[in-house]
Amino acid sequence: MSNEKQSLVESLFEAESQFHELMPIKDAYSKLLFRSLLWFALFSVVYMVVTGL
C-alpha cells in the first residue's frame, strides 16, 4: 500500500512540475508563490473532503 501512496505522490509531483514549467512567469519567487498556493489548495480540498465524511 505504501507503494501505491508513493506512486500517487510521485505522480502529483510530476504533474505539478510539468504545470510549473508551462507557466509563462519567469520570476522564481512568483513561481514559488504559485506553487505554495497550489499545494495549499490541494491540501485544503483533501481536508474538506475528509472532514466532510
N, C-alpha and C. Protein backbone atom coordinates (compact mmCIF):
# COMPACT_ATOMS: atom_id res chain seq x y z
N MET A 1 0.82 -1.19 0.00
CA MET A 1 0.00 0.00 0.00
C MET A 1 0.86 1.25 0.00
N SER A 2 2.00 1.21 0.66
CA SER A 2 2.87 2.39 0.66
C SER A 2 3.41 2.67 -0.74
N ASN A 3 3.56 1.63 -1.55
CA ASN A 3 4.00 1.84 -2.93
C ASN A 3 2.93 2.57 -3.73
N GLU A 4 1.66 2.26 -3.47
CA GLU A 4 0.58 2.96 -4.15
C GLU A 4 0.55 4.43 -3.74
N LYS A 5 0.69 4.70 -2.46
CA LYS A 5 0.71 6.09 -2.00
C LYS A 5 1.92 6.82 -2.54
N GLN A 6 3.05 6.14 -2.56
CA GLN A 6 4.26 6.77 -3.06
C GLN A 6 4.12 7.08 -4.54
N SER A 7 3.53 6.19 -5.30
CA SER A 7 3.36 6.45 -6.72
C SER A 7 2.35 7.58 -6.95
N LEU A 8 1.33 7.67 -6.09
CA LEU A 8 0.37 8.76 -6.19
C LEU A 8 1.05 10.10 -5.91
N VAL A 9 1.86 10.15 -4.86
CA VAL A 9 2.58 11.38 -4.52
C VAL A 9 3.57 11.73 -5.62
N GLU A 10 4.27 10.73 -6.13
CA GLU A 10 5.22 10.98 -7.22
C GLU A 10 4.50 11.50 -8.46
N SER A 11 3.34 10.95 -8.77
CA SER A 11 2.59 11.43 -9.93
C SER A 11 2.09 12.85 -9.71
N LEU A 12 1.71 13.19 -8.47
CA LEU A 12 1.31 14.57 -8.18
C LEU A 12 2.48 15.54 -8.34
N PHE A 13 3.66 15.13 -7.85
CA PHE A 13 4.84 15.98 -8.02
C PHE A 13 5.20 16.14 -9.49
N GLU A 14 5.07 15.07 -10.26
CA GLU A 14 5.39 15.15 -11.68
C GLU A 14 4.42 16.06 -12.41
N ALA A 15 3.12 15.93 -12.12
CA ALA A 15 2.12 16.78 -12.74
C ALA A 15 2.33 18.24 -12.36
N GLU A 16 2.66 18.47 -11.09
CA GLU A 16 2.90 19.84 -10.63
C GLU A 16 4.12 20.45 -11.31
N SER A 17 5.18 19.67 -11.47
CA SER A 17 6.38 20.20 -12.12
C SER A 17 6.14 20.47 -13.60
N GLN A 18 5.35 19.62 -14.27
CA GLN A 18 5.03 19.86 -15.68
C GLN A 18 4.19 21.13 -15.81
N PHE A 19 3.22 21.31 -14.93
CA PHE A 19 2.40 22.52 -14.96
C PHE A 19 3.25 23.74 -14.66
N HIS A 20 4.18 23.57 -13.72
CA HIS A 20 5.06 24.67 -13.32
C HIS A 20 5.95 25.10 -14.48
N GLU A 21 6.41 24.17 -15.30
CA GLU A 21 7.25 24.50 -16.45
C GLU A 21 6.48 25.23 -17.53
N LEU A 22 5.18 25.00 -17.63
CA LEU A 22 4.36 25.63 -18.66
C LEU A 22 3.95 27.06 -18.33
N MET A 23 4.16 27.46 -17.07
CA MET A 23 3.75 28.80 -16.66
C MET A 23 4.58 29.86 -17.39
N PRO A 24 3.93 30.93 -17.82
CA PRO A 24 4.67 31.99 -18.51
C PRO A 24 5.50 32.87 -17.58
N ILE A 25 5.33 32.70 -16.27
CA ILE A 25 6.05 33.53 -15.30
C ILE A 25 7.49 33.03 -15.21
N LYS A 26 8.44 33.94 -15.33
CA LYS A 26 9.84 33.55 -15.29
C LYS A 26 10.50 33.86 -13.95
N ASP A 27 9.86 34.65 -13.11
CA ASP A 27 10.42 35.02 -11.83
C ASP A 27 10.30 33.84 -10.86
N ALA A 28 11.39 33.48 -10.22
CA ALA A 28 11.40 32.31 -9.34
C ALA A 28 10.50 32.52 -8.13
N TYR A 29 10.45 33.73 -7.60
CA TYR A 29 9.61 33.99 -6.42
C TYR A 29 8.13 33.88 -6.77
N SER A 30 7.75 34.32 -7.95
CA SER A 30 6.36 34.21 -8.38
C SER A 30 5.97 32.75 -8.55
N LYS A 31 6.89 31.96 -9.10
CA LYS A 31 6.62 30.53 -9.25
C LYS A 31 6.52 29.85 -7.90
N LEU A 32 7.37 30.25 -6.97
CA LEU A 32 7.32 29.67 -5.62
C LEU A 32 6.01 30.02 -4.94
N LEU A 33 5.55 31.25 -5.09
CA LEU A 33 4.27 31.66 -4.52
C LEU A 33 3.13 30.85 -5.13
N PHE A 34 3.15 30.72 -6.45
CA PHE A 34 2.10 29.96 -7.11
C PHE A 34 2.13 28.50 -6.69
N ARG A 35 3.31 27.93 -6.58
CA ARG A 35 3.44 26.53 -6.16
C ARG A 35 2.91 26.35 -4.74
N SER A 36 3.19 27.29 -3.86
CA SER A 36 2.69 27.22 -2.49
C SER A 36 1.17 27.31 -2.46
N LEU A 37 0.61 28.21 -3.24
CA LEU A 37 -0.84 28.34 -3.30
C LEU A 37 -1.50 27.10 -3.88
N LEU A 38 -0.86 26.50 -4.88
CA LEU A 38 -1.40 25.29 -5.49
C LEU A 38 -1.46 24.14 -4.49
N TRP A 39 -0.36 23.93 -3.74
CA TRP A 39 -0.34 22.85 -2.75
C TRP A 39 -1.27 23.15 -1.58
N PHE A 40 -1.39 24.41 -1.19
CA PHE A 40 -2.33 24.78 -0.14
C PHE A 40 -3.76 24.46 -0.56
N ALA A 41 -4.10 24.77 -1.80
CA ALA A 41 -5.44 24.48 -2.31
C ALA A 41 -5.68 22.97 -2.35
N LEU A 42 -4.69 22.22 -2.78
CA LEU A 42 -4.82 20.77 -2.83
C LEU A 42 -5.07 20.19 -1.45
N PHE A 43 -4.27 20.58 -0.47
CA PHE A 43 -4.44 20.06 0.88
C PHE A 43 -5.74 20.55 1.51
N SER A 44 -6.18 21.75 1.17
CA SER A 44 -7.44 22.25 1.70
C SER A 44 -8.61 21.44 1.17
N VAL A 45 -8.57 21.10 -0.10
CA VAL A 45 -9.64 20.29 -0.68
C VAL A 45 -9.64 18.90 -0.06
N VAL A 46 -8.48 18.31 0.10
CA VAL A 46 -8.39 16.98 0.73
C VAL A 46 -8.92 17.05 2.16
N TYR A 47 -8.57 18.07 2.89
CA TYR A 47 -9.05 18.23 4.27
C TYR A 47 -10.57 18.36 4.31
N MET A 48 -11.13 19.17 3.41
CA MET A 48 -12.57 19.35 3.40
C MET A 48 -13.29 18.06 3.03
N VAL A 49 -12.73 17.29 2.13
CA VAL A 49 -13.35 16.02 1.75
C VAL A 49 -13.31 15.04 2.92
N VAL A 50 -12.15 14.96 3.59
CA VAL A 50 -12.01 14.00 4.69
C VAL A 50 -12.87 14.39 5.88
N THR A 51 -12.93 15.65 6.22
CA THR A 51 -13.74 16.07 7.37
C THR A 51 -15.23 16.09 7.06
N GLY A 52 -15.58 16.13 5.77
CA GLY A 52 -16.97 16.15 5.39
C GLY A 52 -17.61 14.77 5.39
N LEU A 53 -16.82 13.74 5.55
CA LEU A 53 -17.37 12.36 5.53
C LEU A 53 -18.11 12.02 6.78
